[in-house]
Amino acid sequence: MTGRPARQSSSRRLAAVLGLWLLLVLPAQAQIPFPLHDGLPSLAPVVERVTPAVVNIAVQSRVAVEMNPLLRDPFFRRFFELPERGPMPRRQSAGSGVIVDAARGLVLTNNHVVEGAERIMVTLKDQRTLDARLIGRDAGTDIALLRIDADGLVDIPLGDATRMRVGDIVMAVGNPFGLGQTVTSGIISAVGRSGLNPRGYEDFIQTDASINPGNSGGALVNLRGELIGIPTAIIGPSGGNIGIGFAVPSNMARQVMQQLLRYGEVRRGQLGVVVQDLTPELAGALGVDALDGAVIAEVGRDSPAERAGLRRGDVVVAMNDAPVRGSADLRNRVGLTPLGSTVDLTVLRDNRPRRVAVAIR
């Protein structure tokens, strides 16, 4: 009996020291939500806020069965007295989604989760199962938007992914391997990743928070409980997590969602240029001092770029006053700009900055 108070006091002192250390070393955005639970720092309060907004998604679709090409011909099927082909068998797959607008029942997920779906069913954390309606999807960013109709929904606020830094703590919430809702944690390993799909629009957040098959379409949240990414892909030779996962940034998902709500699809604009990354060699050849940017290698005839006066060799260093990191960054941002919008580009020509207004068509 005499030893227990001493042990409790020691534990509390340790917790206080650990809490002070966290406040000193964690980034400012991560300091607020580290309350004590039973005397120890815990992520549980943040988890309790965000998990009701993360849903499981079950998709029914039909899958074609491979067969000998001759047997696809009705003549040969009758010749061999084979029955007429019936409907294709159904396939059921699972993924995750996140409620981003409780009032309107809006759920973000991945395009590849719902692609080809005949029926989409959403299961909430309280075990209610609802039919969902597909509002629209975009293969280029792998984002899809669903709508459900239910009372008592909880959403996650959309955060600003551009404020996240390598080393910030994040949590992934989803439905890995169909096990049910699961929470993992880690850090942001890199930002601005691309190259997974050369034809896509990529600006991925890379994280070592465990992401596995079934996590697709779920939530990557910061320690404020804000949605900063939609997990979409992993690198895993065995099919499971090895600590390299990728999420679509919330800013990109927000832009896609706005267009899906308005048009049911993403209507991408174009500048009408071919661009490449600014390398040190190119910078030297062009006589510019910039380290980052997109070099215009070709200008299409009668394109918005040509009409605005852009030329081959111009280096685009900013769009709407936000720095352009490279060709993929410029392509992403132009591709998500609504048709008919005008963007202000800052370009270097003869190492002198110029502002050029371009109408996106």
Protein backbone atom coordinates (compact mmCIF):
# COMPACT_ATOMS: atom_id res chain seq x y z
CA MET A 1 0.00 0.00 0.00
CA THR A 2 2.81 2.41 0.80
CA GLY A 3 4.44 2.01 -2.61
CA ARG A 4 1.40 2.72 -4.83
CA PRO A 5 1.20 6.52 -4.34
CA ALA A 6 4.91 6.80 -5.13
CA ARG A 7 4.49 4.86 -8.37
CA GLN A 8 1.47 6.95 -9.36
CA SER A 9 3.39 10.15 -8.62
CA SER A 10 6.32 8.91 -10.69
CA SER A 11 4.04 8.07 -13.61
CA ARG A 12 2.44 11.49 -13.49
CA ARG A 13 5.82 13.22 -13.41
CA LEU A 14 6.90 11.14 -16.41
CA ALA A 15 3.70 12.07 -18.25
CA ALA A 16 4.23 15.75 -17.49
CA VAL A 17 7.82 15.62 -18.75
CA LEU A 18 6.72 13.76 -21.92
CA GLY A 19 3.91 16.25 -22.48
CA LEU A 20 6.34 19.17 -22.12
CA TRP A 21 8.74 17.49 -24.55
CA LEU A 22 5.94 17.05 -27.10
CA LEU A 23 5.04 20.72 -26.84
CA LEU A 24 8.65 21.70 -27.45
CA VAL A 25 9.50 19.41 -30.36
CA LEU A 26 6.24 19.02 -32.26
CA PRO A 27 5.29 21.53 -34.97
CA ALA A 28 2.86 24.24 -33.93
CA GLN A 29 -0.07 22.63 -35.76
CA ALA A 30 0.48 19.43 -33.82
CA GLN A 31 0.68 20.89 -30.32
CA ILE A 32 -2.96 21.53 -29.60
CA PRO A 33 -4.55 18.08 -29.79
CA PHE A 34 -2.23 16.11 -27.50
CA PRO A 35 -4.38 15.93 -24.35
CA LEU A 36 -3.64 13.52 -21.56
CA HIS A 37 -5.67 10.34 -21.22
CA ASP A 38 -5.28 8.53 -17.93
CA GLY A 39 -2.21 10.67 -17.33
CA LEU A 40 -0.54 9.91 -20.67
CA PRO A 41 -0.46 11.74 -24.04
CA SER A 42 -2.97 10.15 -26.41
CA LEU A 43 -4.37 10.48 -29.92
CA ALA A 44 -7.68 8.98 -28.75
CA PRO A 45 -9.61 12.29 -28.50
CA VAL A 46 -8.78 13.14 -32.13
CA VAL A 47 -9.62 9.60 -33.24
CA GLU A 48 -12.99 9.80 -31.49
CA ARG A 49 -13.81 13.00 -33.40
CA VAL A 50 -12.89 11.78 -36.89
CA THR A 51 -13.85 8.09 -37.02
CA PRO A 52 -17.64 8.67 -37.20
CA ALA A 53 -17.04 10.47 -40.52
CA VAL A 54 -15.12 7.60 -42.12
CA VAL A 55 -17.29 4.98 -43.83
CA ASN A 56 -16.89 1.56 -45.37
CA ILE A 57 -17.92 1.26 -49.03
CA ALA A 58 -19.11 -1.97 -50.64
CA VAL A 59 -19.45 -2.02 -54.42
CA GLN A 60 -21.31 -4.48 -56.61
CA SER A 61 -20.24 -4.67 -60.23
CA ARG A 62 -20.23 -7.17 -63.05
CA VAL A 63 -17.03 -8.76 -64.30
CA ALA A 64 -16.44 -10.31 -67.71
CA VAL A 65 -15.35 -13.96 -67.72
CA GLU A 66 -12.49 -14.78 -70.06
CA MET A 67 -13.19 -17.60 -72.51
CA ASN A 68 -11.98 -18.99 -75.80
CA PRO A 69 -12.74 -16.35 -78.47
CA LEU A 70 -14.54 -18.97 -80.59
CA LEU A 71 -17.02 -19.59 -77.80
CA ARG A 72 -18.02 -15.92 -77.85
CA ASP A 73 -19.53 -16.45 -81.32
CA PRO A 74 -23.23 -17.44 -81.08
CA PHE A 75 -22.82 -19.78 -84.10
CA PHE A 76 -20.16 -21.86 -82.38
CA ARG A 77 -22.12 -21.88 -79.14
CA ARG A 78 -25.13 -23.38 -80.97
CA PHE A 79 -22.89 -25.79 -82.91
CA PHE A 80 -21.49 -27.21 -79.67
CA GLU A 81 -24.94 -27.03 -78.01
CA LEU A 82 -23.71 -24.59 -75.40
CA PRO A 83 -26.32 -22.46 -73.61
CA GLU A 84 -26.67 -18.81 -74.48
CA ARG A 85 -24.45 -16.61 -72.35
CA GLY A 86 -26.20 -15.40 -69.26
CA PRO A 87 -25.49 -12.21 -67.37
CA MET A 88 -21.94 -11.61 -66.26
CA PRO A 89 -21.28 -12.70 -62.68
CA ARG A 90 -21.32 -10.06 -59.99
CA ARG A 91 -18.22 -8.99 -58.13
CA GLN A 92 -18.20 -7.32 -54.74
CA SER A 93 -15.30 -5.17 -53.62
CA ALA A 94 -14.67 -2.96 -50.62
CA GLY A 95 -13.03 0.34 -49.89
CA SER A 96 -13.42 3.41 -47.73
CA GLY A 97 -14.85 6.90 -47.91
CA VAL A 98 -15.05 10.05 -45.82
CA ILE A 99 -18.02 12.33 -45.15
CA VAL A 100 -17.01 15.92 -45.91
CA ASP A 101 -20.44 17.59 -45.76
CA ALA A 102 -22.89 16.10 -43.28
CA ALA A 103 -25.74 18.46 -44.22
CA ARG A 104 -25.66 17.41 -47.86
CA GLY A 105 -24.48 13.84 -47.28
CA LEU A 106 -21.38 14.24 -49.45
CA VAL A 107 -18.79 11.45 -49.32
CA LEU A 108 -15.37 11.58 -50.97
CA THR A 109 -13.69 8.36 -52.07
CA ASN A 110 -11.42 7.07 -54.84
CA ASN A 111 -12.51 6.65 -58.43
CA HIS A 112 -11.02 3.16 -58.54
CA VAL A 113 -13.18 2.13 -55.56
CA VAL A 114 -16.47 2.83 -57.39
CA GLU A 115 -15.45 2.45 -61.04
CA GLY A 116 -17.92 0.21 -62.90
CA ALA A 117 -20.23 0.01 -59.89
CA GLU A 118 -23.85 -1.05 -60.34
CA ARG A 119 -24.63 -0.54 -56.68
CA ILE A 120 -22.73 1.34 -53.99
CA MET A 121 -23.47 0.73 -50.32
CA VAL A 122 -22.06 2.82 -47.49
CA THR A 123 -21.80 1.52 -43.93
CA LEU A 124 -21.47 4.10 -41.17
CA LYS A 125 -19.59 3.58 -37.94
CA ASP A 126 -22.93 3.07 -36.15
CA GLN A 127 -23.51 0.10 -38.54
CA ARG A 128 -26.26 1.75 -40.60
CA THR A 129 -25.98 0.67 -44.26
CA LEU A 130 -27.18 3.09 -46.93
CA ASP A 131 -27.37 3.10 -50.70
CA ALA A 132 -25.19 5.83 -52.17
CA ARG A 133 -25.64 7.79 -55.39
CA LEU A 134 -22.63 8.53 -57.54
CA ILE A 135 -22.49 12.26 -58.29
CA GLY A 136 -19.39 12.03 -60.45
CA ARG A 137 -15.88 10.67 -60.67
CA ASP A 138 -12.56 11.71 -62.12
CA ALA A 139 -10.03 9.12 -63.25
CA GLY A 140 -7.27 11.70 -63.65
CA THR A 141 -7.09 12.45 -59.92
CA ASP A 142 -8.69 9.16 -58.75
CA ILE A 143 -11.41 11.05 -56.87
CA ALA A 144 -15.14 10.25 -56.79
CA LEU A 145 -18.04 11.96 -55.01
CA LEU A 146 -21.05 10.15 -53.54
CA ARG A 147 -24.22 11.31 -51.83
CA ILE A 148 -26.08 9.54 -49.03
CA ASP A 149 -29.32 10.46 -47.31
CA ALA A 150 -29.34 9.98 -43.55
CA ASP A 151 -29.77 11.85 -40.30
CA GLY A 152 -27.08 12.26 -37.68
CA LEU A 153 -24.12 12.28 -40.05
CA VAL A 154 -20.73 13.57 -38.90
CA ASP A 155 -18.20 15.15 -41.24
CA ILE A 156 -14.49 15.97 -41.20
CA PRO A 157 -13.47 19.55 -42.04
CA LEU A 158 -11.23 19.90 -45.07
CA GLY A 159 -7.79 21.13 -44.09
CA ASP A 160 -5.09 22.89 -46.08
CA ALA A 161 -2.64 20.25 -47.28
CA THR A 162 -0.19 22.89 -48.49
CA ARG A 163 0.57 23.76 -44.85
CA MET A 164 1.68 20.22 -44.02
CA ARG A 165 5.40 19.58 -43.72
CA VAL A 166 7.58 16.52 -43.89
CA GLY A 167 7.69 15.14 -40.37
CA ASP A 168 4.16 16.23 -39.36
CA ILE A 169 2.20 13.51 -37.59
CA VAL A 170 -0.84 12.12 -39.44
CA MET A 171 -3.38 9.33 -39.00
CA ALA A 172 -4.96 7.12 -41.66
CA VAL A 173 -8.49 5.82 -41.10
CA GLY A 174 -10.06 3.22 -43.37
CA ASN A 175 -11.19 -0.34 -43.94
CA PRO A 176 -8.03 -2.37 -44.71
CA PHE A 177 -8.60 -5.88 -46.07
CA GLY A 178 -12.30 -5.54 -45.22
CA LEU A 179 -11.54 -5.93 -41.51
CA GLY A 180 -13.56 -2.90 -40.48
CA GLN A 181 -12.58 0.58 -39.38
CA THR A 182 -8.90 0.77 -38.48
CA VAL A 183 -6.69 3.68 -37.40
CA THR A 184 -2.94 3.87 -38.03
CA SER A 185 -0.49 6.69 -37.45
CA GLY A 186 2.80 7.90 -38.86
CA ILE A 187 4.38 10.98 -40.34
CA ILE A 188 4.39 12.74 -43.68
CA SER A 189 7.38 11.27 -45.50
CA ALA A 190 7.32 13.53 -48.57
CA VAL A 191 5.08 15.95 -50.44
CA GLY A 192 4.60 16.68 -54.13
CA ARG A 193 5.18 13.08 -55.21
CA SER A 194 4.34 12.15 -58.80
CA GLY A 195 5.19 9.52 -61.39
CA LEU A 196 2.79 6.75 -60.34
CA ASN A 197 0.53 7.39 -63.33
CA PRO A 198 2.09 9.60 -66.02
CA ARG A 199 -1.36 10.31 -67.50
CA GLY A 200 -2.83 11.34 -64.17
CA TYR A 201 -2.82 14.58 -62.20
CA GLU A 202 -0.51 13.88 -59.29
CA ASP A 203 0.71 15.84 -56.30
CA PHE A 204 0.69 13.08 -53.71
CA ILE A 205 1.36 13.25 -50.00
CA GLN A 206 3.60 10.32 -49.07
CA THR A 207 3.20 8.81 -45.60
CA ASP A 208 4.46 5.88 -43.59
CA ALA A 209 1.13 5.55 -41.75
CA SER A 210 0.04 2.01 -42.61
CA ILE A 211 -2.14 2.00 -45.74
CA ASN A 212 -3.32 -1.33 -47.13
CA PRO A 213 -5.84 -2.55 -49.73
CA GLY A 214 -9.23 -1.35 -48.53
CA ASN A 215 -7.87 1.92 -47.11
CA SER A 216 -8.41 3.50 -50.54
CA GLY A 217 -10.79 6.44 -50.34
CA GLY A 218 -10.50 6.83 -46.58
CA ALA A 219 -9.08 9.69 -44.55
CA LEU A 220 -5.60 11.00 -43.87
CA VAL A 221 -5.99 13.52 -41.05
CA ASN A 222 -3.73 15.86 -39.13
CA LEU A 223 -3.69 16.25 -35.37
CA ARG A 224 -6.40 18.91 -35.56
CA GLY A 225 -8.73 16.28 -36.96
CA GLU A 226 -8.76 17.94 -40.39
CA LEU A 227 -8.81 15.97 -43.63
CA ILE A 228 -5.56 16.62 -45.45
CA GLY A 229 -5.57 13.70 -47.90
CA ILE A 230 -7.46 10.78 -49.47
CA PRO A 231 -5.32 7.58 -49.41
CA THR A 232 -5.17 6.22 -52.94
CA ALA A 233 -2.11 4.03 -53.60
CA ILE A 234 0.70 2.07 -52.02
CA ILE A 235 4.03 0.66 -53.06
CA GLY A 236 4.02 -2.88 -51.69
CA PRO A 237 5.59 -5.80 -53.56
CA SER A 238 3.73 -8.25 -51.31
CA GLY A 239 0.40 -6.44 -51.71
CA GLY A 240 0.57 -5.04 -48.20
CA ASN A 241 2.04 -2.06 -46.40
CA ILE A 242 5.79 -1.46 -46.36
CA GLY A 243 5.56 2.12 -45.17
CA ILE A 244 5.16 3.86 -48.54
CA GLY A 245 1.62 5.10 -49.08
CA PHE A 246 0.22 7.98 -51.11
CA ALA A 247 -2.75 10.29 -50.63
CA VAL A 248 -4.43 12.85 -52.88
CA PRO A 249 -4.06 16.23 -51.13
CA SER A 250 -7.24 17.74 -49.73
CA ASN A 251 -6.81 20.90 -51.83
CA MET A 252 -6.89 18.87 -55.04
CA ALA A 253 -9.82 16.79 -53.78
CA ARG A 254 -11.72 20.00 -52.93
CA GLN A 255 -11.25 21.40 -56.45
CA VAL A 256 -12.40 18.14 -58.01
CA MET A 257 -15.42 17.97 -55.69
CA GLN A 258 -16.51 21.48 -56.64
CA GLN A 259 -16.48 20.60 -60.34
CA LEU A 260 -18.21 17.26 -59.78
CA LEU A 261 -20.97 19.04 -57.87
CA ARG A 262 -21.39 21.60 -60.63
CA TYR A 263 -20.93 19.51 -63.77
CA GLY A 264 -20.87 15.85 -62.73
CA GLU A 265 -17.38 15.69 -64.23
CA VAL A 266 -14.12 17.61 -64.27
CA ARG A 267 -13.88 19.98 -67.23
CA ARG A 268 -10.19 20.56 -67.65
CA GLY A 269 -8.75 23.65 -69.19
CA GLN A 270 -5.57 23.85 -71.25
CA LEU A 271 -2.89 26.42 -71.94
CA GLY A 272 -1.88 24.79 -75.19
CA VAL A 273 1.79 24.36 -74.32
CA VAL A 274 4.31 21.57 -73.90
CA VAL A 275 6.40 22.12 -70.78
CA GLN A 276 9.36 20.52 -69.05
CA ASP A 277 11.06 20.94 -65.69
CA LEU A 278 13.61 23.69 -65.24
CA THR A 279 16.94 21.96 -64.66
CA PRO A 280 20.25 23.65 -63.76
CA GLU A 281 21.43 22.95 -67.31
CA LEU A 282 18.33 24.56 -68.84
CA ALA A 283 18.56 27.50 -66.47
CA GLY A 284 22.13 28.10 -67.58
CA ALA A 285 21.24 27.79 -71.25
CA LEU A 286 18.30 30.20 -70.88
CA GLY A 287 20.24 32.60 -68.67
CA VAL A 288 17.74 32.59 -65.81
CA ASP A 289 18.47 32.61 -62.09
CA ALA A 290 15.39 30.61 -60.99
CA LEU A 291 15.75 27.18 -59.39
CA ASP A 292 12.17 25.97 -59.92
CA GLY A 293 9.68 26.43 -62.72
CA ALA A 294 8.27 25.01 -65.94
CA VAL A 295 9.99 25.74 -69.25
CA ILE A 296 7.72 26.19 -72.27
CA ALA A 297 9.13 23.90 -74.94
CA GLU A 298 6.35 24.35 -77.49
CA VAL A 299 3.36 26.67 -77.95
CA GLY A 300 0.33 25.34 -79.82
CA ARG A 301 -0.98 27.27 -82.78
CA ASP A 302 -4.02 29.43 -81.96
CA SER A 303 -3.85 28.21 -78.35
CA PRO A 304 -4.67 30.32 -75.28
CA ALA A 305 -0.92 30.55 -74.65
CA GLU A 306 -0.17 31.87 -78.14
CA ARG A 307 -3.01 34.39 -77.94
CA ALA A 308 -1.64 35.60 -74.59
CA GLY A 309 1.83 36.10 -76.08
CA LEU A 310 3.71 33.24 -74.41
CA ARG A 311 6.78 32.02 -76.26
CA ARG A 312 9.01 29.00 -76.46
CA GLY A 313 11.75 29.35 -73.82
CA ASP A 314 9.60 31.29 -71.34
CA VAL A 315 9.96 29.94 -67.81
CA VAL A 316 6.72 29.86 -65.80
CA VAL A 317 7.69 30.48 -62.17
CA ALA A 318 4.30 31.34 -60.62
CA MET A 319 0.59 30.95 -61.26
CA ASN A 320 -1.78 33.33 -59.50
CA ASP A 321 1.21 34.43 -57.36
CA ALA A 322 1.81 30.88 -56.06
CA PRO A 323 5.23 29.43 -57.01
CA VAL A 324 5.32 26.75 -59.71
CA ARG A 325 7.60 23.87 -58.68
CA GLY A 326 7.83 22.20 -62.08
CA SER A 327 6.00 20.97 -65.16
CA ALA A 328 3.79 18.48 -63.26
CA ASP A 329 2.78 21.18 -60.78
CA LEU A 330 1.77 23.57 -63.59
CA ARG A 331 -0.10 20.80 -65.41
CA ASN A 332 -2.02 19.86 -62.25
CA ARG A 333 -3.07 23.38 -61.48
CA VAL A 334 -4.10 24.30 -65.00
CA GLY A 335 -5.94 20.98 -65.34
CA LEU A 336 -8.04 21.74 -62.27
CA THR A 337 -8.83 25.31 -63.27
CA PRO A 338 -12.43 25.60 -64.53
CA LEU A 339 -12.91 26.36 -68.21
CA GLY A 340 -13.35 30.05 -68.92
CA SER A 341 -11.21 31.15 -66.00
CA THR A 342 -8.31 33.56 -66.41
CA VAL A 343 -5.01 32.82 -64.67
CA ASP A 344 -2.10 35.15 -64.07
CA LEU A 345 1.25 33.59 -64.95
CA THR A 346 4.60 35.01 -63.95
CA VAL A 347 7.19 34.07 -66.56
CA LEU A 348 10.87 34.80 -66.95
CA ARG A 349 11.94 35.97 -70.40
CA ASP A 350 15.55 37.07 -70.78
CA ASN A 351 15.68 36.66 -66.98
CA ARG A 352 13.12 39.43 -66.55
CA PRO A 353 9.74 38.70 -64.90
CA ARG A 354 6.58 39.34 -66.87
CA ARG A 355 2.96 38.90 -65.83
CA VAL A 356 0.76 37.31 -68.47
CA ALA A 357 -3.00 36.84 -68.17
CA VAL A 358 -4.18 33.67 -69.96
CA ALA A 359 -7.82 32.68 -70.53
CA ILE A 360 -8.14 28.91 -69.96
CA ARG A 361 -9.98 27.15 -72.77
